[in-house]
Amino acid sequence: MNNLFSRIDILGVPFDNVTKTEAVEYAYKIQSEHKAYYVVTPNPEIVMRAREDEEMLSAVKDAELVIPDGIGVIYGAKFLGTPMKERVPGIDFTTALMEKMNEEGRSVFLFGSKPGVADKAAENLSARYPRIRFVGTNDGYFTDDEPIIEKINSAKPDLMLVCLGAPKQEKWMQKNAHRLDVGLMIGAGGSLDVFAGIVERAPEKWQKLGLEWLYRLKKEPKRIIRMMNLPKFMIVVIFSKIRG
């Protein structure tokens, strides 16, 4: 199923020009087909990775939805003359989708992070969304896909959060989608750690200003090397604009 949203090219990486509401409505609709569609949520760091990693770029292009997670993507798109409707943080998209799923009691499988984290996340999310059925969990420490695929297919979830970190999660979803009995997958990065209460999300005022990245850097200074991709991204955007 090819979505009807217009795709905008940002430095060779496609993005669907959607609002959070539009993305949630579409994701909810296609879950019922159980064709293992998947969603990716690139930020500037992932854009820079995809420019150097053909497999990563292929995985992004094959996604049913590519939503703009980082504020840098929004600024970059505007600077390049292709403005997008709004930033759609992956974790906000995911929670909004689960709120809607809670209305009908759909099912969720949590996959990724360290041992025990997905279980704790399921416990916390069950309290938040009491009608959702959390039908399985698996940590992200594995060497063989087969047992995990069997486990997932036995559960037949409407939604699976794949939290293996980029680019592993995007490549894993593309590689295995055709073998999975899943409604929809979301490459949700570190969301399980937040849902489990291990990592604290930035306060709302930081979120509204698009400064979650700065808050995380303040909390985890060792992320400085990864955060350097943001200024690199903007430099490439500027040169791309100059070259036309």
Protein backbone atom coordinates (compact mmCIF):
# COMPACT_ATOMS: atom_id res chain seq x y z
CA MET A 1 0.00 0.00 0.00
CA ASN A 2 1.50 3.31 -1.06
CA ASN A 3 0.38 6.20 1.07
CA LEU A 4 -1.14 9.31 -0.47
CA PHE A 5 1.11 11.82 1.28
CA SER A 6 3.55 13.91 -0.72
CA ARG A 7 7.18 13.03 -0.10
CA ILE A 8 9.79 15.72 0.31
CA ASP A 9 13.45 15.06 -0.45
CA ILE A 10 15.88 16.29 2.19
CA LEU A 11 19.47 15.68 1.12
CA GLY A 12 18.41 12.53 -0.71
CA VAL A 13 16.28 11.17 2.13
CA PRO A 14 12.48 11.13 1.60
CA PHE A 15 10.03 12.41 4.21
CA ASP A 16 6.24 12.26 4.23
CA ASN A 17 4.78 15.72 4.70
CA VAL A 18 2.30 14.87 7.45
CA THR A 19 0.94 16.17 10.71
CA LYS A 20 0.92 13.90 13.74
CA THR A 21 -2.84 13.50 13.43
CA GLU A 22 -2.58 12.48 9.78
CA ALA A 23 0.21 10.00 10.50
CA VAL A 24 -1.70 8.41 13.39
CA GLU A 25 -4.94 8.08 11.39
CA TYR A 26 -3.11 6.46 8.49
CA ALA A 27 -1.08 4.13 10.73
CA TYR A 28 -4.21 3.04 12.56
CA LYS A 29 -5.97 2.31 9.27
CA ILE A 30 -3.27 0.13 7.74
CA GLN A 31 -2.74 -1.95 10.88
CA SER A 32 -5.79 -4.01 10.02
CA GLU A 33 -4.16 -5.30 6.81
CA HIS A 34 -1.44 -7.15 8.79
CA LYS A 35 1.11 -6.68 6.02
CA ALA A 36 3.98 -5.68 8.30
CA TYR A 37 4.20 -2.11 7.08
CA TYR A 38 6.80 -0.11 8.96
CA VAL A 39 7.38 3.47 10.03
CA VAL A 40 10.74 5.22 10.40
CA THR A 41 11.37 8.50 12.20
CA PRO A 42 14.58 10.10 10.89
CA ASN A 43 16.29 13.03 12.58
CA PRO A 44 19.36 14.85 11.19
CA GLU A 45 21.68 12.16 12.57
CA ILE A 46 19.80 9.44 10.66
CA VAL A 47 19.76 11.58 7.50
CA MET A 48 23.54 11.90 7.68
CA ARG A 49 23.90 8.14 8.27
CA ALA A 50 21.61 7.32 5.34
CA ARG A 51 23.71 9.50 3.02
CA GLU A 52 26.68 7.23 3.71
CA ASP A 53 24.90 3.88 4.11
CA GLU A 54 23.03 2.59 1.05
CA GLU A 55 21.31 -0.19 3.04
CA MET A 56 20.05 2.33 5.56
CA LEU A 57 18.78 4.63 2.81
CA SER A 58 17.03 1.70 1.13
CA ALA A 59 15.32 0.78 4.41
CA VAL A 60 14.08 4.35 4.84
CA LYS A 61 12.77 4.53 1.28
CA ASP A 62 10.86 1.25 1.70
CA ALA A 63 9.05 2.47 4.83
CA GLU A 64 5.32 3.06 4.51
CA LEU A 65 5.69 6.25 6.55
CA VAL A 66 8.78 8.43 7.00
CA ILE A 67 8.02 11.07 9.60
CA PRO A 68 10.24 14.05 10.51
CA ASP A 69 11.37 13.46 14.07
CA GLY A 70 14.06 16.12 14.48
CA ILE A 71 13.56 19.88 14.56
CA GLY A 72 16.65 20.14 12.36
CA VAL A 73 14.79 18.34 9.58
CA ILE A 74 12.00 20.93 9.77
CA TYR A 75 14.45 23.84 9.63
CA GLY A 76 16.40 22.17 6.83
CA ALA A 77 13.26 21.58 4.76
CA LYS A 78 12.18 25.19 5.18
CA PHE A 79 15.62 26.50 4.22
CA LEU A 80 15.61 24.34 1.09
CA GLY A 81 12.25 25.79 0.05
CA THR A 82 10.23 22.64 0.76
CA PRO A 83 8.60 23.39 4.13
CA MET A 84 6.93 20.58 6.03
CA LYS A 85 3.70 20.78 8.04
CA GLU A 86 5.21 20.06 11.45
CA ARG A 87 7.74 18.08 13.42
CA VAL A 88 6.38 14.68 14.50
CA PRO A 89 8.52 13.23 17.34
CA GLY A 90 8.55 9.45 17.10
CA ILE A 91 7.59 8.94 20.73
CA ASP A 92 4.65 11.36 20.44
CA PHE A 93 3.44 9.60 17.31
CA THR A 94 3.74 6.23 19.06
CA THR A 95 1.85 7.27 22.19
CA ALA A 96 -0.88 8.97 20.16
CA LEU A 97 -1.30 5.78 18.12
CA MET A 98 -1.52 3.65 21.27
CA GLU A 99 -4.15 6.00 22.70
CA LYS A 100 -6.26 5.34 19.63
CA MET A 101 -5.55 1.59 19.76
CA ASN A 102 -6.70 1.56 23.37
CA GLU A 103 -10.21 2.41 22.22
CA GLU A 104 -10.58 -0.97 20.51
CA GLY A 105 -8.20 -3.03 22.63
CA ARG A 106 -5.67 -3.78 19.90
CA SER A 107 -2.43 -5.65 20.59
CA VAL A 108 1.22 -4.59 20.97
CA PHE A 109 4.58 -6.42 21.01
CA LEU A 110 7.66 -4.67 22.46
CA PHE A 111 11.05 -5.57 20.99
CA GLY A 112 14.42 -4.13 21.96
CA SER A 113 16.58 -2.53 24.66
CA LYS A 114 18.31 -4.37 27.52
CA PRO A 115 16.87 -7.49 29.18
CA GLY A 116 13.91 -6.61 31.38
CA VAL A 117 13.31 -3.16 29.92
CA ALA A 118 10.56 -4.22 27.50
CA ASP A 119 8.81 -6.11 30.32
CA LYS A 120 8.88 -3.04 32.56
CA ALA A 121 7.69 -0.85 29.68
CA ALA A 122 4.79 -3.25 29.06
CA GLU A 123 3.85 -3.07 32.74
CA ASN A 124 3.85 0.73 32.74
CA LEU A 125 2.02 1.01 29.43
CA SER A 126 -0.61 -1.51 30.57
CA ALA A 127 -1.50 0.83 33.41
CA ARG A 128 -1.69 3.74 30.99
CA TYR A 129 -3.63 1.91 28.26
CA PRO A 130 -5.67 -0.75 30.11
CA ARG A 131 -7.52 -2.03 27.04
CA ILE A 132 -4.42 -2.67 24.95
CA ARG A 133 -3.23 -6.27 24.99
CA PHE A 134 0.54 -6.50 25.39
CA VAL A 135 1.08 -9.86 23.75
CA GLY A 136 4.83 -10.27 24.00
CA THR A 137 8.26 -8.80 24.62
CA ASN A 138 11.83 -9.54 23.60
CA ASP A 139 15.05 -7.76 24.43
CA GLY A 140 17.42 -6.49 21.76
CA TYR A 141 20.29 -8.84 22.57
CA PHE A 142 20.12 -11.64 20.01
CA THR A 143 22.18 -13.33 17.32
CA ASP A 144 19.47 -15.29 15.52
CA ASP A 145 16.30 -13.80 14.04
CA GLU A 146 14.41 -17.08 13.82
CA PRO A 147 13.28 -17.54 17.46
CA ILE A 148 12.19 -13.91 17.62
CA ILE A 149 10.24 -14.14 14.37
CA GLU A 150 8.47 -17.29 15.61
CA LYS A 151 7.63 -15.53 18.87
CA ILE A 152 6.25 -12.49 17.08
CA ASN A 153 4.21 -14.51 14.59
CA SER A 154 2.68 -16.54 17.40
CA ALA A 155 1.53 -13.29 19.03
CA LYS A 156 0.29 -11.67 15.77
CA PRO A 157 0.44 -8.12 17.17
CA ASP A 158 -1.34 -5.18 15.59
CA LEU A 159 1.66 -3.03 16.47
CA MET A 160 5.29 -3.81 17.24
CA LEU A 161 7.78 -1.29 18.56
CA VAL A 162 11.23 -2.16 17.24
CA CYS A 163 13.74 -0.43 19.51
CA LEU A 164 17.17 -1.57 18.36
CA GLY A 165 18.62 1.84 17.57
CA ALA A 166 19.46 3.22 14.14
CA PRO A 167 20.41 1.87 11.68
CA LYS A 168 19.89 -1.66 13.05
CA GLN A 169 16.14 -1.31 13.61
CA GLU A 170 15.44 0.11 10.14
CA LYS A 171 17.47 -2.61 8.43
CA TRP A 172 15.88 -5.33 10.60
CA MET A 173 12.36 -4.20 9.71
CA GLN A 174 13.11 -4.06 5.98
CA LYS A 175 14.85 -7.44 6.02
CA ASN A 176 12.15 -9.30 7.94
CA ALA A 177 8.89 -7.53 7.05
CA HIS A 178 7.89 -10.14 4.46
CA ARG A 179 8.17 -12.90 7.10
CA LEU A 180 6.16 -11.24 9.85
CA ASP A 181 2.49 -11.45 10.81
CA VAL A 182 2.32 -7.93 12.17
CA GLY A 183 -0.02 -5.04 11.51
CA LEU A 184 2.56 -2.29 11.75
CA MET A 185 6.10 -1.76 13.02
CA ILE A 186 7.63 1.46 14.30
CA GLY A 187 11.37 1.98 14.58
CA ALA A 188 11.09 3.60 17.97
CA GLY A 189 14.72 3.96 19.10
CA GLY A 190 15.03 4.63 22.82
CA SER A 191 11.28 4.84 23.48
CA LEU A 192 11.24 1.64 25.54
CA ASP A 193 13.70 3.15 28.00
CA VAL A 194 11.35 6.12 28.42
CA PHE A 195 8.26 3.92 28.77
CA ALA A 196 10.10 1.77 31.33
CA GLY A 197 11.01 4.86 33.37
CA ILE A 198 14.75 4.35 32.90
CA VAL A 199 15.30 7.50 30.87
CA GLU A 200 13.56 10.79 31.64
CA ARG A 201 12.15 12.68 28.70
CA ALA A 202 12.78 16.41 28.39
CA PRO A 203 10.25 18.68 30.15
CA GLU A 204 7.38 19.85 27.98
CA LYS A 205 8.74 23.37 27.55
CA TRP A 206 11.95 21.94 26.07
CA GLN A 207 9.87 19.72 23.77
CA LYS A 208 7.79 22.64 22.50
CA LEU A 209 10.95 24.61 21.71
CA GLY A 210 12.37 21.65 19.78
CA LEU A 211 15.27 21.43 22.23
CA GLU A 212 14.94 17.85 23.43
CA TRP A 213 18.33 17.14 21.87
CA LEU A 214 19.91 19.86 24.03
CA TYR A 215 18.24 18.54 27.18
CA ARG A 216 19.54 15.03 26.44
CA LEU A 217 23.01 16.42 25.83
CA LYS A 218 22.82 18.24 29.16
CA LYS A 219 21.90 14.96 30.87
CA GLU A 220 24.35 12.84 28.85
CA PRO A 221 27.40 14.90 27.81
CA LYS A 222 28.94 11.83 26.17
CA ARG A 223 26.34 12.25 23.39
CA ILE A 224 28.29 15.26 22.10
CA ILE A 225 29.92 13.23 19.31
CA ARG A 226 26.55 12.06 18.01
CA MET A 227 25.11 15.56 18.35
CA MET A 228 27.78 16.91 16.01
CA ASN A 229 25.67 15.50 13.20
CA LEU A 230 23.20 18.37 13.69
CA PRO A 231 25.62 21.18 12.69
CA LYS A 232 27.02 18.92 9.94
CA PHE A 233 23.50 18.43 8.65
CA MET A 234 22.82 22.16 8.54
CA ILE A 235 26.14 22.83 6.77
CA VAL A 236 25.26 20.28 4.09
CA VAL A 237 21.79 21.83 3.78
CA ILE A 238 23.34 25.29 3.23
CA PHE A 239 25.74 24.03 0.59
CA SER A 240 22.93 22.11 -1.08
CA LYS A 241 20.91 25.33 -1.26
CA ILE A 242 23.85 27.24 -2.71
CA ARG A 243 24.38 24.59 -5.38
CA GLY A 244 20.67 24.74 -6.20
